[in-house]
Amino acid sequence: MLEAKIKSVQCLSLAGLHRMSYKEWGDASNPNVLLCVHGVTRVGDDFDTMARALAADYRVIAPDIVGRGRSDWLKNPQLYVIPQYVSDIVTLLARVLPDPESQKVDWFGTSMGGLIGMGLASLPDNPIRKLVLNDIGPTLAPQAMQRIGDYIGQDLRFDSFEAGAQFVRDVSVSFGEHTPEEWRKLAADVLRQDKDGKWGRHYDMGLAAPFRAVTPERAAADQAMLWAAYDAIRCPTLLVRGAESDLLSRDTALAMTQRGPKAQLVEIPKVGHAPTFVHDDQIQIAKQFLLG
């Protein structure tokens, strides 16, 4: 079975230096690069199945965004925000692209990973050739944001992997139907055993700090900035929406087909937030857009 190499790159924040880990799939000399970026409480391992399916066509790079997985945690949790993540990705691209001044990269971003992609794709002279936004847009439903914010800040410990895996499955039911083996993989990717033998989640609980700091005025300003970023995107864009998503409304998705890059919209039935792209039919959606 094709396996990834695990590497890291040193990045900079206002709090100092930190290390960002990433997985690399495929031929390291392949000039065609696909960057796959996960959701707010997930990791680069989420893309293992899709990366294997695309590794013949791409050098696939899947980072653990800082504060998660194998990457370092930030000393100042208020820096767990999109501008910092975009900065880290620019550093990563300088490492992985043979000629970062002229080479293009394709982007697949789930939820938060899509927001990072929007931020980068909105900048002048950015390197993104094609952009896939997986169940994310400039308008975020407040009730869904509250749900995610509450979930992020729960510092839970479980006596067994099985108990932790059941929790992950319970809070991820919106991902849609998966086999028991797929659910186990989705749980194993984000559960870690501590020195006391307890199982907990892989990320810094400080990720919740920016969510708790959001006021209604700040939320409105953030939304205006996200729409401005989306309207500035010029590359071909595919928007994938879980038909039952509580984060990306259908009205917002339709507006995204009329504004900015005028995204092509595909809705996946019987799935909420967010499609996992571990199934062949979902992977084919991305493959057709990226390689078609």
Protein backbone atom coordinates (compact mmCIF):
# COMPACT_ATOMS: atom_id res chain seq x y z
CA MET A 1 0.00 0.00 0.00
CA LEU A 2 1.24 3.47 -0.87
CA GLU A 3 2.38 5.29 2.27
CA ALA A 4 3.17 8.92 3.00
CA LYS A 5 6.34 10.53 4.23
CA ILE A 6 5.93 12.66 7.36
CA LYS A 7 7.91 15.89 7.29
CA SER A 8 7.81 19.29 8.98
CA VAL A 9 8.57 22.93 8.33
CA GLN A 10 9.42 25.73 10.76
CA CYS A 11 6.99 28.65 10.77
CA LEU A 12 6.81 32.01 12.53
CA SER A 13 4.15 33.71 14.64
CA LEU A 14 4.16 36.75 16.92
CA ALA A 15 4.76 34.27 19.77
CA GLY A 16 7.90 32.82 18.19
CA LEU A 17 8.78 29.82 16.06
CA HIS A 18 6.69 26.68 15.72
CA ARG A 19 6.86 23.47 13.72
CA MET A 20 4.12 22.43 11.30
CA SER A 21 4.00 18.76 10.37
CA TYR A 22 2.76 17.55 7.00
CA LYS A 23 2.28 14.35 5.03
CA GLU A 24 3.66 14.03 1.53
CA TRP A 25 2.28 11.52 -0.94
CA GLY A 26 3.47 10.62 -4.44
CA ASP A 27 6.56 11.47 -6.44
CA ALA A 28 8.52 14.27 -4.78
CA SER A 29 9.64 15.45 -8.23
CA ASN A 30 6.08 15.78 -9.57
CA PRO A 31 5.50 19.48 -10.40
CA ASN A 32 1.74 19.01 -9.98
CA VAL A 33 1.04 19.68 -6.30
CA LEU A 34 -2.27 19.31 -4.46
CA LEU A 35 -2.57 20.80 -0.99
CA CYS A 36 -5.27 19.23 1.20
CA VAL A 37 -6.20 21.12 4.37
CA HIS A 38 -8.46 19.76 7.10
CA GLY A 39 -11.26 21.12 9.28
CA VAL A 40 -10.91 22.86 12.63
CA THR A 41 -10.68 19.75 14.84
CA ARG A 42 -9.33 17.30 12.29
CA VAL A 43 -5.88 16.44 10.88
CA GLY A 44 -4.06 15.83 7.61
CA ASP A 45 -4.61 12.07 8.07
CA ASP A 46 -8.20 12.70 6.96
CA PHE A 47 -6.94 12.76 3.37
CA ASP A 48 -5.12 9.40 3.38
CA THR A 49 -7.67 7.69 1.13
CA MET A 50 -8.02 10.58 -1.31
CA ALA A 51 -4.25 11.09 -1.41
CA ARG A 52 -3.68 7.47 -2.38
CA ALA A 53 -6.27 7.84 -5.15
CA LEU A 54 -4.59 10.98 -6.52
CA ALA A 55 -0.91 10.23 -5.87
CA ALA A 56 -0.35 9.01 -9.43
CA ASP A 57 -1.35 12.46 -10.71
CA TYR A 58 -0.19 14.72 -7.88
CA ARG A 59 2.36 15.22 -5.20
CA VAL A 60 -0.20 15.49 -2.39
CA ILE A 61 0.65 17.59 0.68
CA ALA A 62 -1.59 17.33 3.77
CA PRO A 63 -0.49 19.47 6.75
CA ASP A 64 -1.57 19.34 10.37
CA ILE A 65 -2.43 23.00 10.93
CA VAL A 66 -0.64 24.37 14.00
CA GLY A 67 -2.18 23.33 17.32
CA ARG A 68 -3.28 19.98 15.93
CA GLY A 69 -2.00 16.47 15.31
CA ARG A 70 1.77 16.21 14.99
CA SER A 71 2.29 19.99 14.82
CA ASP A 72 3.38 22.26 17.67
CA TRP A 73 1.00 24.25 19.83
CA LEU A 74 1.16 28.05 19.88
CA LYS A 75 2.18 29.86 23.06
CA ASN A 76 -0.58 32.44 22.48
CA PRO A 77 -3.93 30.76 21.69
CA GLN A 78 -5.37 34.00 20.32
CA LEU A 79 -3.15 33.39 17.28
CA TYR A 80 -5.23 30.36 16.23
CA VAL A 81 -6.81 32.41 13.43
CA ILE A 82 -6.97 32.30 9.64
CA PRO A 83 -4.25 34.94 8.96
CA GLN A 84 -1.73 32.89 10.98
CA TYR A 85 -2.72 29.72 9.14
CA VAL A 86 -2.34 31.45 5.76
CA SER A 87 1.11 32.65 6.80
CA ASP A 88 2.11 29.11 7.78
CA ILE A 89 0.89 27.75 4.44
CA VAL A 90 2.95 30.33 2.54
CA THR A 91 6.00 29.07 4.47
CA LEU A 92 5.06 25.48 3.63
CA LEU A 93 4.67 26.26 -0.06
CA ALA A 94 8.09 27.90 -0.11
CA ARG A 95 9.42 24.55 1.12
CA VAL A 96 7.50 22.12 -1.09
CA LEU A 97 7.32 23.96 -4.44
CA PRO A 98 10.51 23.67 -6.52
CA ASP A 99 9.95 27.17 -7.91
CA PRO A 100 7.51 28.96 -5.59
CA GLU A 101 7.71 32.18 -7.57
CA SER A 102 6.20 30.64 -10.70
CA GLN A 103 4.68 27.28 -9.78
CA LYS A 104 0.97 26.76 -9.19
CA VAL A 105 -0.74 24.50 -6.67
CA ASP A 106 -4.25 23.05 -6.49
CA TRP A 107 -6.16 23.31 -3.21
CA PHE A 108 -8.71 21.10 -1.47
CA GLY A 109 -9.97 22.60 1.78
CA THR A 110 -12.55 21.14 4.15
CA SER A 111 -14.34 23.66 6.37
CA MET A 112 -11.53 25.64 8.05
CA GLY A 113 -9.18 24.38 5.34
CA GLY A 114 -11.47 26.03 2.81
CA LEU A 115 -11.35 29.34 4.68
CA ILE A 116 -7.55 29.21 4.62
CA GLY A 117 -7.72 28.48 0.89
CA MET A 118 -10.08 31.43 0.35
CA GLY A 119 -7.71 33.70 2.24
CA LEU A 120 -4.71 32.66 0.16
CA ALA A 121 -6.60 32.59 -3.16
CA SER A 122 -7.81 36.17 -2.59
CA LEU A 123 -4.28 37.59 -2.49
CA PRO A 124 -2.61 39.13 -5.55
CA ASP A 125 -0.08 36.83 -7.24
CA ASN A 126 -1.24 33.83 -5.20
CA PRO A 127 -0.21 30.33 -6.41
CA ILE A 128 -3.61 28.60 -6.41
CA ARG A 129 -4.61 27.22 -9.83
CA LYS A 130 -7.84 25.43 -8.85
CA LEU A 131 -9.74 25.65 -5.57
CA VAL A 132 -12.10 23.12 -3.95
CA LEU A 133 -14.14 24.40 -1.01
CA ASN A 134 -15.66 21.53 0.96
CA ASP A 135 -18.79 22.70 2.79
CA ILE A 136 -17.64 26.19 3.65
CA GLY A 137 -18.41 29.72 2.54
CA PRO A 138 -18.19 33.36 3.64
CA THR A 139 -21.44 33.20 5.65
CA LEU A 140 -21.30 30.77 8.58
CA ALA A 141 -24.54 29.80 10.32
CA PRO A 142 -24.38 31.15 13.92
CA GLN A 143 -25.93 28.05 15.49
CA ALA A 144 -23.40 25.81 13.78
CA MET A 145 -20.53 28.05 14.90
CA GLN A 146 -21.85 27.84 18.47
CA ARG A 147 -22.01 24.05 18.22
CA ILE A 148 -18.45 23.85 16.93
CA GLY A 149 -17.16 26.33 19.51
CA ASP A 150 -18.73 24.38 22.38
CA TYR A 151 -17.35 21.10 21.02
CA ILE A 152 -13.82 22.41 20.59
CA GLY A 153 -13.44 23.51 24.20
CA GLN A 154 -14.46 20.21 25.84
CA ASP A 155 -11.29 18.75 27.38
CA LEU A 156 -12.55 15.18 27.59
CA ARG A 157 -10.66 12.03 28.60
CA PHE A 158 -11.81 8.49 27.93
CA ASP A 159 -10.85 5.29 29.71
CA SER A 160 -10.57 3.32 26.46
CA PHE A 161 -10.05 3.91 22.78
CA GLU A 162 -13.48 2.40 22.14
CA ALA A 163 -15.16 4.99 24.39
CA GLY A 164 -13.31 7.80 22.65
CA ALA A 165 -14.14 6.39 19.23
CA GLN A 166 -17.83 6.26 20.13
CA PHE A 167 -17.68 9.93 21.15
CA VAL A 168 -16.02 10.88 17.86
CA ARG A 169 -18.70 8.97 15.98
CA ASP A 170 -21.51 10.58 17.97
CA VAL A 171 -20.29 14.15 17.35
CA SER A 172 -19.48 13.38 13.70
CA VAL A 173 -22.79 11.88 12.65
CA SER A 174 -23.22 14.72 10.15
CA PHE A 175 -20.33 13.21 8.15
CA GLY A 176 -22.86 10.74 6.75
CA GLU A 177 -22.82 6.96 6.52
CA HIS A 178 -19.50 5.16 6.99
CA THR A 179 -18.50 1.57 7.62
CA PRO A 180 -17.31 0.53 11.11
CA GLU A 181 -13.74 0.43 9.74
CA GLU A 182 -14.07 3.97 8.35
CA TRP A 183 -15.42 5.27 11.65
CA ARG A 184 -12.53 3.62 13.47
CA LYS A 185 -10.03 5.32 11.14
CA LEU A 186 -11.75 8.70 11.59
CA ALA A 187 -11.45 8.24 15.37
CA ALA A 188 -7.89 6.89 15.36
CA ASP A 189 -6.73 9.93 13.41
CA VAL A 190 -7.76 12.31 16.20
CA LEU A 191 -7.42 10.34 19.46
CA ARG A 192 -4.19 10.20 21.44
CA GLN A 193 -3.31 8.22 24.58
CA ASP A 194 -1.71 10.18 27.40
CA LYS A 195 0.87 9.09 29.99
CA ASP A 196 -1.94 8.01 32.34
CA GLY A 197 -3.44 5.69 29.75
CA LYS A 198 -6.43 7.94 29.07
CA TRP A 199 -7.56 8.76 25.54
CA GLY A 200 -8.15 12.36 24.49
CA ARG A 201 -8.29 14.54 21.42
CA HIS A 202 -5.16 15.53 19.53
CA TYR A 203 -5.38 19.30 19.67
CA ASP A 204 -4.65 22.27 21.92
CA MET A 205 -7.78 23.22 23.89
CA GLY A 206 -6.62 26.80 23.29
CA LEU A 207 -8.18 26.53 19.82
CA ALA A 208 -11.45 27.53 21.51
CA ALA A 209 -10.08 30.90 22.65
CA PRO A 210 -10.76 32.83 19.40
CA PHE A 211 -14.29 31.39 19.27
CA ARG A 212 -15.01 32.60 22.81
CA ALA A 213 -13.71 36.07 21.95
CA VAL A 214 -16.14 36.60 19.06
CA THR A 215 -18.77 39.32 19.58
CA PRO A 216 -21.73 39.94 17.25
CA GLU A 217 -19.91 43.00 15.89
CA ARG A 218 -16.74 40.99 15.30
CA ALA A 219 -18.72 38.21 13.61
CA ALA A 220 -20.33 40.73 11.23
CA ALA A 221 -16.94 42.27 10.40
CA ASP A 222 -15.41 38.82 9.83
CA GLN A 223 -18.24 37.88 7.49
CA ALA A 224 -17.76 41.07 5.46
CA MET A 225 -14.04 40.31 5.16
CA LEU A 226 -14.73 36.73 4.07
CA TRP A 227 -17.10 37.89 1.33
CA ALA A 228 -14.53 40.45 0.19
CA ALA A 229 -11.92 37.68 0.04
CA TYR A 230 -14.28 35.39 -1.87
CA ASP A 231 -15.14 38.13 -4.37
CA ALA A 232 -11.42 38.62 -5.03
CA ILE A 233 -10.83 34.98 -6.05
CA ARG A 234 -10.17 34.50 -9.77
CA CYS A 235 -9.26 30.81 -10.09
CA PRO A 236 -11.74 28.06 -11.10
CA THR A 237 -13.59 27.05 -7.93
CA LEU A 238 -15.65 24.02 -6.98
CA LEU A 239 -18.01 24.30 -4.00
CA VAL A 240 -19.09 21.01 -2.45
CA ARG A 241 -22.00 21.16 -0.03
CA GLY A 242 -23.40 18.44 2.18
CA ALA A 243 -27.10 18.65 1.34
CA GLU A 244 -27.94 18.58 5.07
CA SER A 245 -25.18 20.98 6.16
CA ASP A 246 -25.95 23.24 9.12
CA LEU A 247 -22.85 25.39 8.49
CA LEU A 248 -23.17 26.27 4.81
CA SER A 249 -26.74 27.15 3.88
CA ARG A 250 -28.08 26.51 0.41
CA ASP A 251 -28.76 30.23 -0.01
CA THR A 252 -25.12 31.03 0.69
CA ALA A 253 -23.99 28.26 -1.66
CA LEU A 254 -26.18 29.61 -4.46
CA ALA A 255 -24.88 33.15 -3.85
CA MET A 256 -21.35 31.77 -4.25
CA THR A 257 -22.26 30.54 -7.73
CA GLN A 258 -23.15 34.13 -8.71
CA ARG A 259 -20.32 36.09 -7.07
CA GLY A 260 -16.54 36.14 -7.12
CA PRO A 261 -15.23 33.08 -8.99
CA LYS A 262 -18.84 31.90 -9.57
CA ALA A 263 -18.17 28.49 -8.12
CA GLN A 264 -19.45 25.31 -9.64
CA LEU A 265 -21.77 23.75 -7.02
CA VAL A 266 -22.13 20.05 -6.23
CA GLU A 267 -24.39 18.88 -3.39
CA ILE A 268 -23.94 15.48 -1.77
CA PRO A 269 -27.18 13.91 -0.48
CA LYS A 270 -27.55 12.39 3.00
CA VAL A 271 -24.49 14.25 4.29
CA GLY A 272 -24.22 17.31 6.54
CA HIS A 273 -21.06 19.09 7.63
CA ALA A 274 -18.82 17.93 6.12
CA PRO A 275 -18.32 15.29 3.40
CA THR A 276 -15.23 13.23 4.32
CA PHE A 277 -14.11 12.32 0.79
CA VAL A 278 -13.15 8.81 1.81
CA HIS A 279 -15.69 7.26 -0.58
CA ASP A 280 -15.04 6.67 -4.26
CA ASP A 281 -18.02 8.70 -5.47
CA GLN A 282 -16.92 11.76 -3.48
CA ILE A 283 -13.27 11.39 -4.51
CA GLN A 284 -14.41 11.24 -8.14
CA ILE A 285 -16.09 14.65 -7.74
CA ALA A 286 -12.77 16.20 -6.73
CA LYS A 287 -10.79 14.25 -9.31
CA GLN A 288 -13.04 15.28 -12.18
CA PHE A 289 -12.78 18.96 -11.27
CA LEU A 290 -9.05 19.00 -10.53
CA LEU A 291 -7.90 16.87 -13.47
CA GLY A 292 -10.69 17.47 -15.96
